[in-house]
C-alpha atoms as a PDB file:
ATOM      1  CA  MET A   1    -126.017-203.509 -81.271  1.00  0.00           C
ATOM      2  CA  THR A   2    -126.118-201.747 -84.638  1.00  0.00           C
ATOM      3  CA  TYR A   3    -128.818-199.217 -85.537  1.00  0.00           C
ATOM      4  CA  ASP A   4    -129.876-197.526 -88.779  1.00  0.00           C
ATOM      5  CA  PHE A   5    -131.180-194.055 -87.899  1.00  0.00           C
ATOM      6  CA  HIS A   6    -131.989-192.866 -91.406  1.00  0.00           C
ATOM      7  CA  ALA A   7    -133.893-195.429 -93.433  1.00  0.00           C
ATOM      8  CA  HIS A   8    -136.287-194.733 -96.304  1.00  0.00           C
ATOM      9  CA  ILE A   9    -137.957-198.133 -96.293  1.00  0.00           C
ATOM     10  CA  TRP A  10    -141.660-197.292 -96.375  1.00  0.00           C
ATOM     11  CA  PRO A  11    -143.193-198.488 -99.656  1.00  0.00           C
ATOM     12  CA  CYS A  12    -144.012-195.709-102.128  1.00  0.00           C
ATOM     13  CA  ALA A  13    -142.749-192.941 -99.814  1.00  0.00           C
ATOM     14  CA  ASP A  14    -139.930-190.570-100.670  1.00  0.00           C
ATOM     15  CA  HIS A  15    -137.076-192.148-102.629  1.00  0.00           C
ATOM     16  CA  GLY A  16    -137.039-195.415-100.731  1.00  0.00           C
ATOM     17  CA  SER A  17    -138.875-198.625-101.459  1.00  0.00           C
ATOM     18  CA  ARG A  18    -141.142-199.073-104.461  1.00  0.00           C
ATOM     19  CA  SER A  19    -143.112-201.964-102.937  1.00  0.00           C
ATOM     20  CA  GLU A  20    -143.576-204.099 -99.838  1.00  0.00           C
ATOM     21  CA  GLU A  21    -141.307-206.690-101.451  1.00  0.00           C
ATOM     22  CA  ASP A  22    -138.549-204.063-101.797  1.00  0.00           C
ATOM     23  CA  THR A  23    -138.964-203.169 -98.124  1.00  0.00           C
ATOM     24  CA  GLU A  24    -138.730-206.815 -97.079  1.00  0.00           C
ATOM     25  CA  ALA A  25    -135.576-207.245 -99.183  1.00  0.00           C
ATOM     26  CA  GLN A  26    -134.021-204.090 -97.698  1.00  0.00           C
ATOM     27  CA  LEU A  27    -134.787-205.273 -94.160  1.00  0.00           C
ATOM     28  CA  ALA A  28    -133.273-208.689 -94.924  1.00  0.00           C
ATOM     29  CA  ILE A  29    -130.053-206.991 -96.102  1.00  0.00           C
ATOM     30  CA  LEU A  30    -129.938-204.849 -92.973  1.00  0.00           C
ATOM     31  CA  ARG A  31    -130.563-207.892 -90.767  1.00  0.00           C
ATOM     32  CA  ALA A  32    -127.811-209.867 -92.530  1.00  0.00           C
ATOM     33  CA  SER A  33    -125.464-206.904 -91.984  1.00  0.00           C
ATOM     34  CA  GLY A  34    -126.080-207.025 -88.236  1.00  0.00           C
ATOM     35  CA  VAL A  35    -128.538-204.137 -87.920  1.00  0.00           C
ATOM     36  CA  LYS A  36    -130.938-204.827 -85.056  1.00  0.00           C
ATOM     37  CA  GLN A  37    -133.141-201.713 -85.103  1.00  0.00           C
ATOM     38  CA  VAL A  38    -134.243-199.392 -87.894  1.00  0.00           C
ATOM     39  CA  VAL A  39    -135.713-195.895 -87.565  1.00  0.00           C
ATOM     40  CA  ALA A  40    -137.836-195.164 -90.625  1.00  0.00           C
ATOM     41  CA  THR A  41    -137.476-191.512 -91.635  1.00  0.00           C
ATOM     42  CA  PRO A  42    -139.914-190.509 -94.376  1.00  0.00           C
ATOM     43  CA  HIS A  43    -139.805-186.857 -95.445  1.00  0.00           C
ATOM     44  CA  PHE A  44    -143.512-186.267 -95.032  1.00  0.00           C
END
């Protein structure tokens, strides 16, 4: 199983996603790459 332990995917937080649509697109890319679990790591 593949994990991503440093993901900035929360919309409008840090330097990650700009919108919910961006987050959904990022998650789709991760899923297509074989990632099964993501740990969101905002800086605040």
